[in-house]
């Protein structure tokens, strides 16, 4: 979805596609950070 938003923005210059891209990046970063914290906690509990 992020790649598609970037492609639309880069081809059209549509600001709404750019804003969608930034929103998706923010959500993705938060999700990946939460997942990483969960994995670290699981690893620590096994040590």
PDB file of N, CA and C in Angstrom:
ATOM      1  N   UNK A   1       0.827  -1.191   0.000  1.00  0.00           N
ATOM      2  CA  UNK A   1       0.000   0.000   0.000  1.00  0.00           C
ATOM      3  C   UNK A   1       0.870   1.254   0.000  1.00  0.00           C
ATOM      4  N   UNK A   2       1.970   1.207   0.768  1.00  0.00           N
ATOM      5  CA  UNK A   2       2.872   2.360   0.797  1.00  0.00           C
ATOM      6  C   UNK A   2       3.480   2.590  -0.579  1.00  0.00           C
ATOM      7  N   UNK A   3       3.898   1.508  -1.232  1.00  0.00           N
ATOM      8  CA  UNK A   3       4.492   1.639  -2.561  1.00  0.00           C
ATOM      9  C   UNK A   3       3.500   2.207  -3.574  1.00  0.00           C
ATOM     10  N   UNK A   4       2.250   1.756  -3.465  1.00  0.00           N
ATOM     11  CA  UNK A   4       1.227   2.240  -4.385  1.00  0.00           C
ATOM     12  C   UNK A   4       0.978   3.740  -4.176  1.00  0.00           C
ATOM     13  N   UNK A   5       0.927   4.166  -2.914  1.00  0.00           N
ATOM     14  CA  UNK A   5       0.717   5.595  -2.631  1.00  0.00           C
ATOM     15  C   UNK A   5       1.865   6.425  -3.184  1.00  0.00           C
ATOM     16  N   UNK A   6       3.092   5.926  -3.017  1.00  0.00           N
ATOM     17  CA  UNK A   6       4.256   6.658  -3.532  1.00  0.00           C
ATOM     18  C   UNK A   6       4.201   6.736  -5.055  1.00  0.00           C
ATOM     19  N   UNK A   7       3.839   5.630  -5.697  1.00  0.00           N
ATOM     20  CA  UNK A   7       3.780   5.611  -7.150  1.00  0.00           C
ATOM     21  C   UNK A   7       2.745   6.611  -7.666  1.00  0.00           C
ATOM     22  N   UNK A   8       1.583   6.641  -7.033  1.00  0.00           N
ATOM     23  CA  UNK A   8       0.538   7.595  -7.441  1.00  0.00           C
ATOM     24  C   UNK A   8       1.037   9.020  -7.249  1.00  0.00           C
ATOM     25  N   UNK A   9       1.653   9.294  -6.085  1.00  0.00           N
ATOM     26  CA  UNK A   9       2.152  10.646  -5.828  1.00  0.00           C
ATOM     27  C   UNK A   9       3.244  11.038  -6.822  1.00  0.00           C
ATOM     28  N   UNK A  10       4.183  10.136  -7.046  1.00  0.00           N
ATOM     29  CA  UNK A  10       5.308  10.483  -7.917  1.00  0.00           C
ATOM     30  C   UNK A  10       4.872  10.701  -9.363  1.00  0.00           C
ATOM     31  N   UNK A  11       3.815  10.020  -9.779  1.00  0.00           N
ATOM     32  CA  UNK A  11       3.346  10.180 -11.154  1.00  0.00           C
ATOM     33  C   UNK A  11       2.385  11.345 -11.337  1.00  0.00           C
ATOM     34  N   UNK A  12       1.639  11.680 -10.275  1.00  0.00           N
ATOM     35  CA  UNK A  12       0.607  12.710 -10.421  1.00  0.00           C
ATOM     36  C   UNK A  12       0.887  13.989  -9.654  1.00  0.00           C
ATOM     37  N   UNK A  13       1.716  13.891  -8.590  1.00  0.00           N
ATOM     38  CA  UNK A  13       1.932  15.050  -7.737  1.00  0.00           C
ATOM     39  C   UNK A  13       0.746  15.325  -6.825  1.00  0.00           C
ATOM     40  N   UNK A  14      -0.162  14.370  -6.714  1.00  0.00           N
ATOM     41  CA  UNK A  14      -1.371  14.519  -5.914  1.00  0.00           C
ATOM     42  C   UNK A  14      -1.009  14.579  -4.429  1.00  0.00           C
ATOM     43  N   UNK A  15      -1.326  15.688  -3.784  1.00  0.00           N
ATOM     44  CA  UNK A  15      -0.974  15.889  -2.384  1.00  0.00           C
ATOM     45  C   UNK A  15      -1.710  14.909  -1.474  1.00  0.00           C
ATOM     46  N   UNK A  16      -2.919  14.516  -1.841  1.00  0.00           N
ATOM     47  CA  UNK A  16      -3.662  13.557  -1.026  1.00  0.00           C
ATOM     48  C   UNK A  16      -2.972  12.190  -1.015  1.00  0.00           C
ATOM     49  N   UNK A  17      -2.378  11.804  -2.123  1.00  0.00           N
ATOM     50  CA  UNK A  17      -1.624  10.550  -2.173  1.00  0.00           C
ATOM     51  C   UNK A  17      -0.393  10.654  -1.272  1.00  0.00           C
ATOM     52  N   UNK A  18       0.242  11.822  -1.251  1.00  0.00           N
ATOM     53  CA  UNK A  18       1.405  12.030  -0.392  1.00  0.00           C
ATOM     54  C   UNK A  18       1.008  11.971   1.083  1.00  0.00           C
ATOM     55  N   UNK A  19      -0.088  12.620   1.427  1.00  0.00           N
ATOM     56  CA  UNK A  19      -0.551  12.599   2.816  1.00  0.00           C
ATOM     57  C   UNK A  19      -0.928  11.182   3.251  1.00  0.00           C
ATOM     58  N   UNK A  20      -1.550  10.425   2.356  1.00  0.00           N
ATOM     59  CA  UNK A  20      -1.862   9.030   2.649  1.00  0.00           C
ATOM     60  C   UNK A  20      -0.582   8.237   2.874  1.00  0.00           C
ATOM     61  N   UNK A  21       0.410   8.464   2.045  1.00  0.00           N
ATOM     62  CA  UNK A  21       1.705   7.804   2.182  1.00  0.00           C
ATOM     63  C   UNK A  21       2.309   8.076   3.558  1.00  0.00           C
ATOM     64  N   UNK A  22       2.311   9.317   3.981  1.00  0.00           N
ATOM     65  CA  UNK A  22       2.881   9.682   5.277  1.00  0.00           C
ATOM     66  C   UNK A  22       2.092   9.064   6.426  1.00  0.00           C
ATOM     67  N   UNK A  23       0.776   9.025   6.303  1.00  0.00           N
ATOM     68  CA  UNK A  23      -0.046   8.416   7.342  1.00  0.00           C
ATOM     69  C   UNK A  23       0.232   6.913   7.434  1.00  0.00           C
ATOM     70  N   UNK A  24       0.343   6.261   6.294  1.00  0.00           N
ATOM     71  CA  UNK A  24       0.641   4.827   6.283  1.00  0.00           C
ATOM     72  C   UNK A  24       2.018   4.546   6.877  1.00  0.00           C
ATOM     73  N   UNK A  25       3.004   5.388   6.562  1.00  0.00           N
ATOM     74  CA  UNK A  25       4.340   5.210   7.132  1.00  0.00           C
ATOM     75  C   UNK A  25       4.302   5.338   8.649  1.00  0.00           C
ATOM     76  N   UNK A  26       3.550   6.294   9.151  1.00  0.00           N
ATOM     77  CA  UNK A  26       3.437   6.494  10.595  1.00  0.00           C
ATOM     78  C   UNK A  26       2.810   5.273  11.263  1.00  0.00           C
ATOM     79  N   UNK A  27       1.734   4.775  10.691  1.00  0.00           N
ATOM     80  CA  UNK A  27       1.062   3.594  11.242  1.00  0.00           C
ATOM     81  C   UNK A  27       1.991   2.395  11.185  1.00  0.00           C
ATOM     82  N   UNK A  28       2.692   2.220  10.078  1.00  0.00           N
ATOM     83  CA  UNK A  28       3.607   1.092   9.920  1.00  0.00           C
ATOM     84  C   UNK A  28       4.734   1.166  10.937  1.00  0.00           C
ATOM     85  N   UNK A  29       5.293   2.353  11.140  1.00  0.00           N
ATOM     86  CA  UNK A  29       6.381   2.520  12.106  1.00  0.00           C
ATOM     87  C   UNK A  29       5.919   2.194  13.520  1.00  0.00           C
ATOM     88  N   UNK A  30       4.732   2.624  13.881  1.00  0.00           N
ATOM     89  CA  UNK A  30       4.197   2.336  15.216  1.00  0.00           C
ATOM     90  C   UNK A  30       3.967   0.845  15.390  1.00  0.00           C
ATOM     91  N   UNK A  31       3.397   0.200  14.365  1.00  0.00           N
ATOM     92  CA  UNK A  31       3.132  -1.238  14.433  1.00  0.00           C
ATOM     93  C   UNK A  31       4.414  -2.042  14.521  1.00  0.00           C
ATOM     94  N   UNK A  32       5.406  -1.682  13.738  1.00  0.00           N
ATOM     95  CA  UNK A  32       6.660  -2.441  13.748  1.00  0.00           C
ATOM     96  C   UNK A  32       7.407  -2.218  15.062  1.00  0.00           C
ATOM     97  N   UNK A  33       7.314  -1.030  15.625  1.00  0.00           N
ATOM     98  CA  UNK A  33       7.947  -0.758  16.911  1.00  0.00           C
ATOM     99  C   UNK A  33       7.297  -1.543  18.024  1.00  0.00           C
ATOM    100  N   UNK A  34       5.984  -1.634  18.022  1.00  0.00           N
ATOM    101  CA  UNK A  34       5.265  -2.402  19.038  1.00  0.00           C
ATOM    102  C   UNK A  34       5.577  -3.880  18.899  1.00  0.00           C
ATOM    103  N   UNK A  35       5.667  -4.355  17.674  1.00  0.00           N
ATOM    104  CA  UNK A  35       5.990  -5.762  17.442  1.00  0.00           C
ATOM    105  C   UNK A  35       7.409  -6.061  17.917  1.00  0.00           C
ATOM    106  N   UNK A  36       8.336  -5.156  17.667  1.00  0.00           N
ATOM    107  CA  UNK A  36       9.712  -5.365  18.095  1.00  0.00           C
ATOM    108  C   UNK A  36       9.802  -5.403  19.620  1.00  0.00           C
ATOM    109  N   UNK A  37       9.087  -4.511  20.298  1.00  0.00           N
ATOM    110  CA  UNK A  37       9.070  -4.507  21.764  1.00  0.00           C
ATOM    111  C   UNK A  37       8.543  -5.831  22.301  1.00  0.00           C
ATOM    112  N   UNK A  38       7.501  -6.348  21.663  1.00  0.00           N
ATOM    113  CA  UNK A  38       6.909  -7.621  22.085  1.00  0.00           C
ATOM    114  C   UNK A  38       7.921  -8.753  21.921  1.00  0.00           C
ATOM    115  N   UNK A  39       8.628  -8.778  20.793  1.00  0.00           N
ATOM    116  CA  UNK A  39       9.606  -9.833  20.538  1.00  0.00           C
ATOM    117  C   UNK A  39      10.768  -9.754  21.526  1.00  0.00           C
ATOM    118  N   UNK A  40      11.220  -8.562  21.836  1.00  0.00           N
ATOM    119  CA  UNK A  40      12.320  -8.398  22.801  1.00  0.00           C
ATOM    120  C   UNK A  40      11.889  -8.892  24.175  1.00  0.00           C
ATOM    121  N   UNK A  41      10.676  -8.561  24.566  1.00  0.00           N
ATOM    122  CA  UNK A  41      10.145  -9.013  25.856  1.00  0.00           C
ATOM    123  C   UNK A  41      10.079 -10.532  25.897  1.00  0.00           C
ATOM    124  N   UNK A  42       9.653 -11.152  24.816  1.00  0.00           N
ATOM    125  CA  UNK A  42       9.580 -12.614  24.774  1.00  0.00           C
ATOM    126  C   UNK A  42      10.969 -13.239  24.869  1.00  0.00           C
ATOM    127  N   UNK A  43      11.932 -12.665  24.199  1.00  0.00           N
ATOM    128  CA  UNK A  43      13.301 -13.185  24.232  1.00  0.00           C
ATOM    129  C   UNK A  43      13.861 -13.046  25.639  1.00  0.00           C
ATOM    130  N   UNK A  44      13.649 -11.883  26.258  1.00  0.00           N
ATOM    131  CA  UNK A  44      14.149 -11.656  27.617  1.00  0.00           C
ATOM    132  C   UNK A  44      13.539 -12.642  28.603  1.00  0.00           C
ATOM    133  N   UNK A  45      12.287 -12.980  28.430  1.00  0.00           N
ATOM    134  CA  UNK A  45      11.629 -13.899  29.366  1.00  0.00           C
ATOM    135  C   UNK A  45      12.165 -15.316  29.241  1.00  0.00           C
ATOM    136  N   UNK A  46      12.767 -15.639  28.092  1.00  0.00           N
ATOM    137  CA  UNK A  46      13.329 -16.970  27.902  1.00  0.00           C
ATOM    138  C   UNK A  46      14.774 -17.077  28.407  1.00  0.00           C
ATOM    139  N   UNK A  47      15.392 -15.952  28.680  1.00  0.00           N
ATOM    140  CA  UNK A  47      16.784 -15.961  29.117  1.00  0.00           C
ATOM    141  C   UNK A  47      16.876 -16.199  30.565  1.00  0.00           C
TER     142      UNK A  47
END
